Amino acid sequence: MRGWITAVGVAGVAVAVSGCGTPAVSPQSDTDASLTTTMRMPRYVDNSDRPRVTFDPCLDIPDSALIEAGYDPASEENADFKGGSYTFLGCSYDTPERRYGMNVLSGNVSFAEEQEKSSAFATPIEINGRRALLKFNPAVRNACDLSIETSDGFLGFTRRLVVDYAGPAPEPEWCAGLEDTARIFERYIPKES
């Protein structure tokens, strides 16, 4: 995902957004097989003929999910990328102790395009039944990416480990726990997305 949105850093950009808002969908429980969705106009629509981005991490990931994943909802900052031919709606978050910084971006670039762009350093995986890519590039120190397929394109996670010493952290720490975070957030993506 880093190649699609080089303008968006882990710390996010510009304006802080107040809170995550109310989720558009509820996570599916073992006893409830139906999801309800609320349709709304996306915060941004590009000038391409790509699908509109319907899952908005800033609005659709509730504070409770951020806390479950170990992130501080109060750290939320806008991390949108509004390209002319594609869109990524997103927010950045930090863990309370600032060990990790993460961007969560929902885009209308197809999953096939994402697979092709990251094929040199991506491993196909599955997150809660959805196709996904775990992207580990040793040239990008202390960072790990993960992309999950949606009907609009993909939901991407760009996470950076913050260290307080010179040099990189041990490589196994770069991606540690990112799949667990993706499993928590995936529950809020509408099943048709």
N, C-alpha and C. Protein backbone atom coordinates (compact mmCIF):
# COMPACT_ATOMS: atom_id res chain seq x y z
N MET A 1 0.83 -1.18 0.00
CA MET A 1 0.00 0.00 0.00
C MET A 1 0.88 1.24 0.00
N ARG A 2 2.07 1.13 0.53
CA ARG A 2 2.96 2.28 0.62
C ARG A 2 3.16 2.93 -0.74
N GLY A 3 3.20 2.14 -1.82
CA GLY A 3 3.38 2.69 -3.15
C GLY A 3 2.20 3.51 -3.62
N TRP A 4 0.98 3.16 -3.22
CA TRP A 4 -0.21 3.89 -3.64
C TRP A 4 -0.30 5.24 -2.98
N ILE A 5 0.15 5.32 -1.75
CA ILE A 5 -0.12 6.53 -0.98
C ILE A 5 1.13 7.02 -0.27
N THR A 6 2.13 7.31 -1.02
CA THR A 6 3.37 7.77 -0.42
C THR A 6 3.20 9.09 0.30
N ALA A 7 2.17 9.83 -0.03
CA ALA A 7 1.95 11.13 0.61
C ALA A 7 1.41 11.00 2.03
N VAL A 8 0.95 9.83 2.42
CA VAL A 8 0.36 9.65 3.74
C VAL A 8 1.35 8.92 4.62
N GLY A 9 1.85 9.56 5.68
CA GLY A 9 2.79 8.95 6.60
C GLY A 9 2.08 8.28 7.75
N VAL A 10 2.81 7.50 8.53
CA VAL A 10 2.22 6.80 9.67
C VAL A 10 1.62 7.77 10.68
N ALA A 11 2.21 8.91 10.82
CA ALA A 11 1.69 9.87 11.80
C ALA A 11 0.40 10.53 11.33
N GLY A 12 0.00 10.29 10.09
CA GLY A 12 -1.22 10.92 9.58
C GLY A 12 -0.91 12.31 9.09
N VAL A 13 -1.94 13.00 8.64
CA VAL A 13 -1.75 14.34 8.14
C VAL A 13 -2.83 15.26 8.64
N ALA A 14 -2.55 16.50 8.62
CA ALA A 14 -3.48 17.60 8.76
C ALA A 14 -4.36 17.57 9.99
N VAL A 15 -5.64 17.41 9.76
CA VAL A 15 -6.67 17.70 10.74
C VAL A 15 -6.94 16.51 11.64
N ALA A 16 -7.07 16.75 12.91
CA ALA A 16 -7.49 15.70 13.83
C ALA A 16 -9.00 15.57 13.74
N VAL A 17 -9.47 14.35 13.79
CA VAL A 17 -10.89 14.08 13.72
C VAL A 17 -11.36 13.75 15.12
N SER A 18 -12.51 14.24 15.50
CA SER A 18 -12.98 13.99 16.86
C SER A 18 -13.70 12.66 16.94
N GLY A 19 -13.06 11.67 17.54
CA GLY A 19 -13.68 10.36 17.78
C GLY A 19 -13.93 9.58 16.52
N CYS A 20 -14.30 8.35 16.69
CA CYS A 20 -14.53 7.46 15.57
C CYS A 20 -15.95 7.48 15.09
N GLY A 21 -16.88 7.95 15.88
CA GLY A 21 -18.27 7.95 15.45
C GLY A 21 -18.93 6.62 15.71
N THR A 22 -20.14 6.49 15.25
CA THR A 22 -20.92 5.28 15.43
C THR A 22 -20.64 4.34 14.28
N PRO A 23 -20.42 3.06 14.55
CA PRO A 23 -20.15 2.14 13.46
C PRO A 23 -21.35 2.00 12.54
N ALA A 24 -21.07 1.86 11.24
CA ALA A 24 -22.15 1.68 10.28
C ALA A 24 -22.68 0.26 10.33
N VAL A 25 -21.88 -0.67 10.81
CA VAL A 25 -22.32 -2.05 10.93
C VAL A 25 -21.91 -2.58 12.29
N SER A 26 -22.60 -3.60 12.71
CA SER A 26 -22.24 -4.26 13.95
C SER A 26 -21.49 -5.52 13.61
N PRO A 27 -20.53 -5.93 14.45
CA PRO A 27 -19.84 -7.18 14.15
C PRO A 27 -20.82 -8.33 14.20
N GLN A 28 -20.56 -9.32 13.36
CA GLN A 28 -21.45 -10.47 13.31
C GLN A 28 -21.16 -11.39 14.49
N SER A 29 -22.18 -11.77 15.20
CA SER A 29 -22.00 -12.70 16.31
C SER A 29 -22.34 -14.10 15.83
N ASP A 30 -22.02 -15.08 16.67
CA ASP A 30 -22.33 -16.47 16.32
C ASP A 30 -23.83 -16.70 16.22
N THR A 31 -24.62 -15.92 16.94
CA THR A 31 -26.07 -16.13 16.95
C THR A 31 -26.81 -15.23 15.98
N ASP A 32 -26.17 -14.16 15.49
CA ASP A 32 -26.83 -13.23 14.59
C ASP A 32 -26.17 -13.28 13.23
N ALA A 33 -26.85 -13.87 12.27
CA ALA A 33 -26.26 -14.05 10.94
C ALA A 33 -26.50 -12.86 10.03
N SER A 34 -27.24 -11.86 10.48
CA SER A 34 -27.50 -10.72 9.61
C SER A 34 -26.78 -9.48 10.11
N LEU A 35 -26.34 -8.66 9.16
CA LEU A 35 -25.72 -7.39 9.48
C LEU A 35 -26.61 -6.28 8.96
N THR A 36 -26.65 -5.20 9.69
CA THR A 36 -27.37 -4.05 9.19
C THR A 36 -26.35 -2.99 8.79
N THR A 37 -26.62 -2.31 7.70
CA THR A 37 -25.71 -1.27 7.25
C THR A 37 -26.47 0.03 7.10
N THR A 38 -25.73 1.10 7.21
CA THR A 38 -26.27 2.42 6.99
C THR A 38 -25.53 3.00 5.81
N MET A 39 -26.27 3.33 4.75
CA MET A 39 -25.62 3.91 3.58
C MET A 39 -25.48 5.41 3.80
N ARG A 40 -24.34 5.94 3.43
CA ARG A 40 -24.10 7.37 3.52
C ARG A 40 -23.20 7.76 2.36
N MET A 41 -23.19 9.01 2.05
CA MET A 41 -22.30 9.51 1.02
C MET A 41 -20.88 9.47 1.56
N PRO A 42 -19.92 8.91 0.81
CA PRO A 42 -18.53 8.91 1.28
C PRO A 42 -18.03 10.33 1.52
N ARG A 43 -17.09 10.47 2.43
CA ARG A 43 -16.52 11.79 2.72
C ARG A 43 -15.83 12.38 1.51
N TYR A 44 -15.39 11.54 0.59
CA TYR A 44 -14.73 12.02 -0.62
C TYR A 44 -15.05 11.06 -1.75
N VAL A 45 -15.29 11.58 -2.92
CA VAL A 45 -15.50 10.78 -4.13
C VAL A 45 -14.55 11.31 -5.19
N ASP A 46 -13.70 10.44 -5.72
CA ASP A 46 -12.75 10.90 -6.74
C ASP A 46 -13.44 11.05 -8.09
N ASN A 47 -12.69 11.47 -9.09
CA ASN A 47 -13.28 11.70 -10.41
C ASN A 47 -12.99 10.55 -11.38
N SER A 48 -12.89 9.34 -10.84
CA SER A 48 -12.68 8.16 -11.67
C SER A 48 -13.99 7.37 -11.77
N ASP A 49 -13.96 6.29 -12.53
CA ASP A 49 -15.13 5.42 -12.56
C ASP A 49 -14.93 4.20 -11.66
N ARG A 50 -14.01 4.30 -10.71
CA ARG A 50 -13.82 3.25 -9.71
C ARG A 50 -15.00 3.27 -8.74
N PRO A 51 -15.22 2.19 -7.99
CA PRO A 51 -16.32 2.19 -7.01
C PRO A 51 -16.10 3.26 -5.94
N ARG A 52 -17.19 3.72 -5.36
CA ARG A 52 -17.08 4.63 -4.22
C ARG A 52 -16.59 3.84 -3.02
N VAL A 53 -15.82 4.48 -2.17
CA VAL A 53 -15.32 3.83 -0.96
C VAL A 53 -16.44 3.89 0.08
N THR A 54 -16.99 2.73 0.42
CA THR A 54 -18.12 2.70 1.34
C THR A 54 -17.72 2.43 2.79
N PHE A 55 -16.61 1.75 3.01
CA PHE A 55 -16.14 1.50 4.38
C PHE A 55 -15.17 2.61 4.75
N ASP A 56 -15.48 3.35 5.79
CA ASP A 56 -14.67 4.48 6.23
C ASP A 56 -14.10 4.16 7.61
N PRO A 57 -12.80 3.89 7.70
CA PRO A 57 -12.22 3.53 9.00
C PRO A 57 -12.49 4.56 10.09
N CYS A 58 -12.52 5.83 9.74
CA CYS A 58 -12.74 6.88 10.75
C CYS A 58 -14.15 6.81 11.34
N LEU A 59 -15.10 6.37 10.55
CA LEU A 59 -16.49 6.34 10.99
C LEU A 59 -16.98 4.94 11.35
N ASP A 60 -16.38 3.91 10.77
CA ASP A 60 -16.92 2.56 10.90
C ASP A 60 -16.17 1.66 11.87
N ILE A 61 -15.02 2.06 12.35
CA ILE A 61 -14.31 1.28 13.37
C ILE A 61 -14.60 1.95 14.71
N PRO A 62 -15.35 1.28 15.58
CA PRO A 62 -15.71 1.90 16.86
C PRO A 62 -14.53 1.96 17.83
N ASP A 63 -14.64 2.87 18.78
CA ASP A 63 -13.60 3.00 19.80
C ASP A 63 -13.33 1.68 20.51
N SER A 64 -14.38 0.89 20.74
CA SER A 64 -14.20 -0.38 21.45
C SER A 64 -13.27 -1.32 20.68
N ALA A 65 -13.34 -1.31 19.34
CA ALA A 65 -12.44 -2.15 18.54
C ALA A 65 -11.02 -1.62 18.59
N LEU A 66 -10.86 -0.31 18.56
CA LEU A 66 -9.52 0.27 18.68
C LEU A 66 -8.89 -0.12 20.02
N ILE A 67 -9.65 0.00 21.08
CA ILE A 67 -9.15 -0.36 22.41
C ILE A 67 -8.81 -1.85 22.47
N GLU A 68 -9.68 -2.69 21.91
CA GLU A 68 -9.42 -4.14 21.88
C GLU A 68 -8.11 -4.45 21.16
N ALA A 69 -7.81 -3.69 20.10
CA ALA A 69 -6.59 -3.90 19.32
C ALA A 69 -5.37 -3.22 19.96
N GLY A 70 -5.59 -2.45 21.03
CA GLY A 70 -4.47 -1.83 21.73
C GLY A 70 -4.15 -0.41 21.28
N TYR A 71 -5.08 0.24 20.56
CA TYR A 71 -4.84 1.60 20.08
C TYR A 71 -5.68 2.60 20.86
N ASP A 72 -5.19 3.82 20.92
CA ASP A 72 -5.84 4.89 21.67
C ASP A 72 -6.78 5.67 20.76
N PRO A 73 -8.10 5.58 20.95
CA PRO A 73 -9.04 6.32 20.11
C PRO A 73 -8.79 7.83 20.10
N ALA A 74 -8.29 8.37 21.21
CA ALA A 74 -8.03 9.82 21.29
C ALA A 74 -6.87 10.25 20.38
N SER A 75 -6.07 9.30 19.90
CA SER A 75 -4.93 9.63 19.03
C SER A 75 -5.34 9.75 17.57
N GLU A 76 -6.60 9.51 17.25
CA GLU A 76 -7.06 9.48 15.86
C GLU A 76 -6.77 10.79 15.13
N GLU A 77 -6.20 10.66 13.94
CA GLU A 77 -5.97 11.79 13.04
C GLU A 77 -6.38 11.38 11.64
N ASN A 78 -6.85 12.34 10.87
CA ASN A 78 -7.24 12.08 9.49
C ASN A 78 -6.02 11.70 8.67
N ALA A 79 -6.16 10.67 7.84
CA ALA A 79 -5.08 10.22 6.98
C ALA A 79 -5.60 9.94 5.57
N ASP A 80 -6.59 10.71 5.12
CA ASP A 80 -7.15 10.50 3.78
C ASP A 80 -6.12 10.81 2.71
N PHE A 81 -6.26 10.11 1.59
CA PHE A 81 -5.51 10.46 0.39
C PHE A 81 -6.52 10.61 -0.72
N LYS A 82 -6.61 11.80 -1.25
CA LYS A 82 -7.63 12.12 -2.25
C LYS A 82 -6.95 12.30 -3.59
N GLY A 83 -6.68 11.19 -4.27
CA GLY A 83 -6.08 11.26 -5.59
C GLY A 83 -7.15 11.53 -6.64
N GLY A 84 -6.75 11.95 -7.79
CA GLY A 84 -7.72 12.21 -8.85
C GLY A 84 -8.33 10.95 -9.42
N SER A 85 -7.55 9.85 -9.42
CA SER A 85 -8.04 8.62 -10.05
C SER A 85 -8.30 7.49 -9.07
N TYR A 86 -8.09 7.72 -7.80
CA TYR A 86 -8.43 6.75 -6.76
C TYR A 86 -8.51 7.48 -5.42
N THR A 87 -9.09 6.80 -4.43
CA THR A 87 -9.31 7.39 -3.12
C THR A 87 -8.90 6.42 -2.03
N PHE A 88 -8.33 6.94 -0.95
CA PHE A 88 -8.13 6.19 0.27
C PHE A 88 -8.66 7.06 1.41
N LEU A 89 -9.71 6.57 2.09
CA LEU A 89 -10.23 7.23 3.28
C LEU A 89 -9.58 6.55 4.47
N GLY A 90 -9.04 7.34 5.39
CA GLY A 90 -8.40 6.67 6.50
C GLY A 90 -8.09 7.55 7.68
N CYS A 91 -7.65 6.88 8.72
CA CYS A 91 -7.25 7.51 9.97
C CYS A 91 -5.97 6.86 10.46
N SER A 92 -5.21 7.63 11.23
CA SER A 92 -4.02 7.08 11.87
C SER A 92 -4.27 7.01 13.37
N TYR A 93 -3.61 6.05 14.01
CA TYR A 93 -3.77 5.80 15.44
C TYR A 93 -2.41 5.45 16.04
N ASP A 94 -2.29 5.70 17.32
CA ASP A 94 -1.10 5.30 18.08
C ASP A 94 -1.54 4.41 19.22
N THR A 95 -0.65 3.52 19.66
CA THR A 95 -0.92 2.79 20.89
C THR A 95 -0.69 3.75 22.05
N PRO A 96 -1.32 3.50 23.21
CA PRO A 96 -1.19 4.43 24.34
C PRO A 96 0.27 4.72 24.71
N GLU A 97 1.11 3.71 24.67
CA GLU A 97 2.52 3.92 25.03
C GLU A 97 3.35 4.32 23.82
N ARG A 98 2.67 4.59 22.68
CA ARG A 98 3.30 5.02 21.42
C ARG A 98 4.34 4.01 20.92
N ARG A 99 4.10 2.73 21.16
CA ARG A 99 4.99 1.68 20.63
C ARG A 99 4.75 1.49 19.14
N TYR A 100 3.49 1.64 18.71
CA TYR A 100 3.13 1.51 17.30
C TYR A 100 2.34 2.72 16.84
N GLY A 101 2.55 3.08 15.58
CA GLY A 101 1.70 4.04 14.88
C GLY A 101 1.14 3.32 13.68
N MET A 102 -0.14 3.55 13.37
CA MET A 102 -0.75 2.79 12.27
C MET A 102 -1.73 3.66 11.50
N ASN A 103 -1.68 3.54 10.18
CA ASN A 103 -2.70 4.09 9.30
C ASN A 103 -3.63 2.96 8.90
N VAL A 104 -4.93 3.23 8.89
CA VAL A 104 -5.92 2.28 8.38
C VAL A 104 -6.63 3.02 7.26
N LEU A 105 -6.50 2.48 6.03
CA LEU A 105 -7.00 3.17 4.85
C LEU A 105 -7.87 2.25 4.01
N SER A 106 -9.02 2.75 3.63
CA SER A 106 -9.95 1.99 2.79
C SER A 106 -9.94 2.64 1.42
N GLY A 107 -9.60 1.85 0.40
CA GLY A 107 -9.43 2.43 -0.92
C GLY A 107 -10.19 1.71 -2.01
N ASN A 108 -10.30 2.39 -3.15
CA ASN A 108 -10.98 1.81 -4.30
C ASN A 108 -10.01 1.37 -5.39
N VAL A 109 -8.75 1.16 -5.04
CA VAL A 109 -7.80 0.48 -5.92
C VAL A 109 -8.11 -1.01 -5.77
N SER A 110 -8.19 -1.74 -6.86
CA SER A 110 -8.60 -3.14 -6.78
C SER A 110 -7.56 -3.99 -6.04
N PHE A 111 -8.05 -5.06 -5.45
CA PHE A 111 -7.16 -5.99 -4.75
C PHE A 111 -6.17 -6.59 -5.75
N ALA A 112 -6.59 -6.83 -6.98
CA ALA A 112 -5.69 -7.36 -8.01
C ALA A 112 -4.54 -6.38 -8.28
N GLU A 113 -4.84 -5.09 -8.34
CA GLU A 113 -3.79 -4.09 -8.52
C GLU A 113 -2.84 -4.09 -7.34
N GLU A 114 -3.38 -4.22 -6.13
CA GLU A 114 -2.56 -4.25 -4.93
C GLU A 114 -1.66 -5.50 -4.93
N GLN A 115 -2.21 -6.65 -5.34
CA GLN A 115 -1.40 -7.88 -5.42
C GLN A 115 -0.24 -7.69 -6.40
N GLU A 116 -0.53 -7.13 -7.55
CA GLU A 116 0.51 -6.93 -8.57
C GLU A 116 1.59 -5.97 -8.08
N LYS A 117 1.19 -4.88 -7.47
CA LYS A 117 2.13 -3.85 -7.02
C LYS A 117 3.04 -4.37 -5.91
N SER A 118 2.53 -5.25 -5.05
CA SER A 118 3.31 -5.70 -3.89
C SER A 118 3.79 -7.14 -4.00
N SER A 119 3.75 -7.72 -5.19
CA SER A 119 4.06 -9.15 -5.35
C SER A 119 5.47 -9.53 -4.90
N ALA A 120 6.42 -8.62 -4.97
CA ALA A 120 7.80 -8.94 -4.61
C ALA A 120 7.99 -9.16 -3.11
N PHE A 121 7.09 -8.61 -2.28
CA PHE A 121 7.28 -8.73 -0.83
C PHE A 121 6.00 -9.06 -0.08
N ALA A 122 4.99 -9.58 -0.77
CA ALA A 122 3.72 -9.91 -0.13
C ALA A 122 3.52 -11.42 -0.02
N THR A 123 2.92 -11.84 1.09
CA THR A 123 2.55 -13.23 1.30
C THR A 123 1.03 -13.31 1.36
N PRO A 124 0.39 -14.13 0.50
CA PRO A 124 -1.07 -14.27 0.58
C PRO A 124 -1.47 -14.93 1.89
N ILE A 125 -2.46 -14.35 2.56
CA ILE A 125 -3.01 -14.90 3.79
C ILE A 125 -4.52 -14.74 3.74
N GLU A 126 -5.19 -15.13 4.80
CA GLU A 126 -6.64 -14.96 4.90
C GLU A 126 -6.95 -14.31 6.25
N ILE A 127 -7.84 -13.32 6.23
CA ILE A 127 -8.29 -12.66 7.46
C ILE A 127 -9.81 -12.84 7.55
N ASN A 128 -10.26 -13.63 8.49
CA ASN A 128 -11.69 -13.89 8.71
C ASN A 128 -12.40 -14.29 7.41
N GLY A 129 -11.77 -15.10 6.60
CA GLY A 129 -12.37 -15.59 5.37
C GLY A 129 -12.15 -14.71 4.15
N ARG A 130 -11.52 -13.57 4.32
CA ARG A 130 -11.24 -12.68 3.18
C ARG A 130 -9.80 -12.85 2.72
N ARG A 131 -9.60 -12.71 1.40
CA ARG A 131 -8.23 -12.73 0.87
C ARG A 131 -7.49 -11.52 1.42
N ALA A 132 -6.22 -11.74 1.73
CA ALA A 132 -5.40 -10.66 2.30
C ALA A 132 -3.95 -10.87 1.91
N LEU A 133 -3.17 -9.84 2.11
CA LEU A 133 -1.73 -9.87 1.85
C LEU A 133 -1.00 -9.34 3.07
N LEU A 134 -0.01 -10.07 3.56
CA LEU A 134 0.89 -9.58 4.59
C LEU A 134 2.13 -9.11 3.84
N LYS A 135 2.46 -7.83 3.99
CA LYS A 135 3.54 -7.25 3.19
C LYS A 135 4.69 -6.82 4.10
N PHE A 136 5.79 -7.52 3.93
CA PHE A 136 6.98 -7.27 4.73
C PHE A 136 8.13 -6.96 3.78
N ASN A 137 8.61 -5.74 3.83
CA ASN A 137 9.72 -5.31 2.97
C ASN A 137 10.89 -4.94 3.87
N PRO A 138 11.94 -5.78 3.94
CA PRO A 138 13.06 -5.52 4.83
C PRO A 138 13.74 -4.17 4.58
N ALA A 139 13.55 -3.59 3.40
CA ALA A 139 14.15 -2.29 3.10
C ALA A 139 13.46 -1.15 3.84
N VAL A 140 12.24 -1.39 4.34
CA VAL A 140 11.49 -0.37 5.07
C VAL A 140 11.53 -0.76 6.55
N ARG A 141 12.48 -0.22 7.28
CA ARG A 141 12.74 -0.62 8.67
C ARG A 141 11.54 -0.40 9.58
N ASN A 142 11.36 -1.36 10.49
CA ASN A 142 10.38 -1.26 11.57
C ASN A 142 8.94 -1.09 11.08
N ALA A 143 8.63 -1.58 9.88
CA ALA A 143 7.29 -1.38 9.32
C ALA A 143 6.75 -2.67 8.74
N CYS A 144 5.43 -2.75 8.71
CA CYS A 144 4.73 -3.90 8.14
C CYS A 144 3.40 -3.41 7.60
N ASP A 145 2.95 -4.00 6.50
CA ASP A 145 1.68 -3.64 5.88
C ASP A 145 0.82 -4.88 5.74
N LEU A 146 -0.47 -4.67 5.69
CA LEU A 146 -1.42 -5.75 5.47
C LEU A 146 -2.59 -5.18 4.68
N SER A 147 -3.06 -5.91 3.68
CA SER A 147 -4.21 -5.48 2.86
C SER A 147 -5.26 -6.57 2.87
N ILE A 148 -6.53 -6.17 3.04
CA ILE A 148 -7.66 -7.10 3.03
C ILE A 148 -8.58 -6.72 1.87
N GLU A 149 -8.99 -7.70 1.10
CA GLU A 149 -9.88 -7.45 -0.04
C GLU A 149 -11.27 -7.02 0.44
N THR A 150 -11.83 -6.00 -0.22
CA THR A 150 -13.21 -5.57 -0.01
C THR A 150 -13.87 -5.46 -1.38
N SER A 151 -15.18 -5.26 -1.41
CA SER A 151 -15.86 -5.12 -2.71
C SER A 151 -15.47 -3.82 -3.40
N ASP A 152 -15.03 -2.81 -2.64
CA ASP A 152 -14.61 -1.53 -3.22
C ASP A 152 -13.16 -1.58 -3.70
N GLY A 153 -12.35 -2.44 -3.13
CA GLY A 153 -10.92 -2.50 -3.41
C GLY A 153 -10.22 -3.24 -2.30
N PHE A 154 -9.63 -2.47 -1.35
CA PHE A 154 -9.01 -3.13 -0.20
C PHE A 154 -8.92 -2.18 0.97
N LEU A 155 -8.85 -2.79 2.17
CA LEU A 155 -8.60 -2.08 3.41
C LEU A 155 -7.15 -2.35 3.76
N GLY A 156 -6.38 -1.29 3.92
CA GLY A 156 -4.95 -1.45 4.16
C GLY A 156 -4.52 -0.95 5.53
N PHE A 157 -3.56 -1.63 6.09
CA PHE A 157 -2.96 -1.27 7.37
C PHE A 157 -1.48 -1.01 7.10
N THR A 158 -1.00 0.13 7.49
CA THR A 158 0.43 0.44 7.44
C THR A 158 0.84 0.74 8.86
N ARG A 159 1.67 -0.13 9.43
CA ARG A 159 2.02 0.01 10.84
C ARG A 159 3.53 0.15 10.98
N ARG A 160 3.93 1.05 11.87
CA ARG A 160 5.35 1.28 12.13
C ARG A 160 5.62 1.10 13.62
N LEU A 161 6.66 0.36 13.90
CA LEU A 161 7.12 0.15 15.26
C LEU A 161 8.01 1.33 15.65
N VAL A 162 7.72 1.95 16.77
CA VAL A 162 8.51 3.09 17.25
C VAL A 162 9.49 2.56 18.29
N VAL A 163 10.78 2.76 18.03
CA VAL A 163 11.80 2.29 18.96
C VAL A 163 12.55 3.49 19.53
N ASP A 164 13.08 3.33 20.74
CA ASP A 164 13.80 4.42 21.38
C ASP A 164 15.30 4.12 21.46
N TYR A 165 15.80 3.42 20.44
CA TYR A 165 17.22 3.12 20.37
C TYR A 165 17.66 3.18 18.91
N ALA A 166 18.95 3.29 18.70
CA ALA A 166 19.48 3.37 17.34
C ALA A 166 19.33 2.02 16.63
N GLY A 167 19.07 2.08 15.36
CA GLY A 167 18.95 0.86 14.57
C GLY A 167 17.55 0.29 14.60
N PRO A 168 17.33 -0.73 13.77
CA PRO A 168 15.99 -1.32 13.68
C PRO A 168 15.70 -2.29 14.83
N ALA A 169 14.43 -2.49 15.05
CA ALA A 169 13.99 -3.53 15.99
C ALA A 169 14.22 -4.89 15.32
N PRO A 170 14.23 -5.97 16.09
CA PRO A 170 14.35 -7.29 15.46
C PRO A 170 13.20 -7.50 14.46
N GLU A 171 13.50 -8.02 13.28
CA GLU A 171 12.50 -8.17 12.22
C GLU A 171 11.23 -8.91 12.65
N PRO A 172 11.28 -9.95 13.49
CA PRO A 172 10.03 -10.61 13.89
C PRO A 172 9.04 -9.67 14.59
N GLU A 173 9.53 -8.59 15.18
CA GLU A 173 8.65 -7.64 15.87
C GLU A 173 7.90 -6.73 14.90
N TRP A 174 8.39 -6.58 13.68
CA TRP A 174 7.82 -5.61 12.73
C TRP A 174 6.35 -5.93 12.43
N CYS A 175 6.02 -7.20 12.23
CA CYS A 175 4.65 -7.60 11.86
C CYS A 175 3.90 -8.25 13.03
N ALA A 176 4.55 -8.42 14.16
CA ALA A 176 3.94 -9.12 15.30
C ALA A 176 2.61 -8.48 15.69
N GLY A 177 1.54 -9.27 15.69
CA GLY A 177 0.23 -8.82 16.13
C GLY A 177 -0.60 -8.08 15.08
N LEU A 178 -0.04 -7.76 13.92
CA LEU A 178 -0.80 -7.01 12.91
C LEU A 178 -1.97 -7.83 12.36
N GLU A 179 -1.80 -9.13 12.19
CA GLU A 179 -2.91 -9.96 11.72
C GLU A 179 -4.04 -9.99 12.74
N ASP A 180 -3.71 -10.00 14.03
CA ASP A 180 -4.74 -9.96 15.07
C ASP A 180 -5.53 -8.65 15.00
N THR A 181 -4.84 -7.54 14.81
CA THR A 181 -5.50 -6.24 14.66
C THR A 181 -6.42 -6.26 13.45
N ALA A 182 -5.95 -6.80 12.34
CA ALA A 182 -6.77 -6.87 11.12
C ALA A 182 -8.02 -7.71 11.35
N ARG A 183 -7.91 -8.81 12.10
CA ARG A 183 -9.07 -9.65 12.39
C ARG A 183 -10.13 -8.89 13.20
N ILE A 184 -9.68 -8.06 14.12
CA ILE A 184 -10.61 -7.26 14.92
C ILE A 184 -11.33 -6.25 14.02
N PHE A 185 -10.60 -5.51 13.21
CA PHE A 185 -11.20 -4.46 12.39
C PHE A 185 -12.04 -5.03 11.25
N GLU A 186 -11.67 -6.18 10.73
CA GLU A 186 -12.41 -6.78 9.61
C GLU A 186 -13.85 -7.06 9.99
N ARG A 187 -14.12 -7.33 11.23
CA ARG A 187 -15.49 -7.64 11.68
C ARG A 187 -16.46 -6.51 11.37
N TYR A 188 -15.96 -5.30 11.16
CA TYR A 188 -16.82 -4.14 10.94
C TYR A 188 -17.00 -3.80 9.45
N ILE A 189 -16.31 -4.52 8.58
CA ILE A 189 -16.51 -4.32 7.15
C ILE A 189 -17.78 -5.04 6.76
N PRO A 190 -18.75 -4.36 6.12
CA PRO A 190 -19.96 -5.06 5.68
C PRO A 190 -19.60 -6.26 4.83
N LYS A 191 -20.32 -7.34 4.99
CA LYS A 191 -20.00 -8.58 4.27
C LYS A 191 -20.09 -8.40 2.76
N GLU A 192 -20.89 -7.45 2.30
CA GLU A 192 -20.94 -7.20 0.85
C GLU A 192 -19.78 -6.33 0.38
N SER A 193 -18.93 -5.87 1.31
CA SER A 193 -17.79 -5.03 0.94
C SER A 193 -16.54 -5.84 0.83
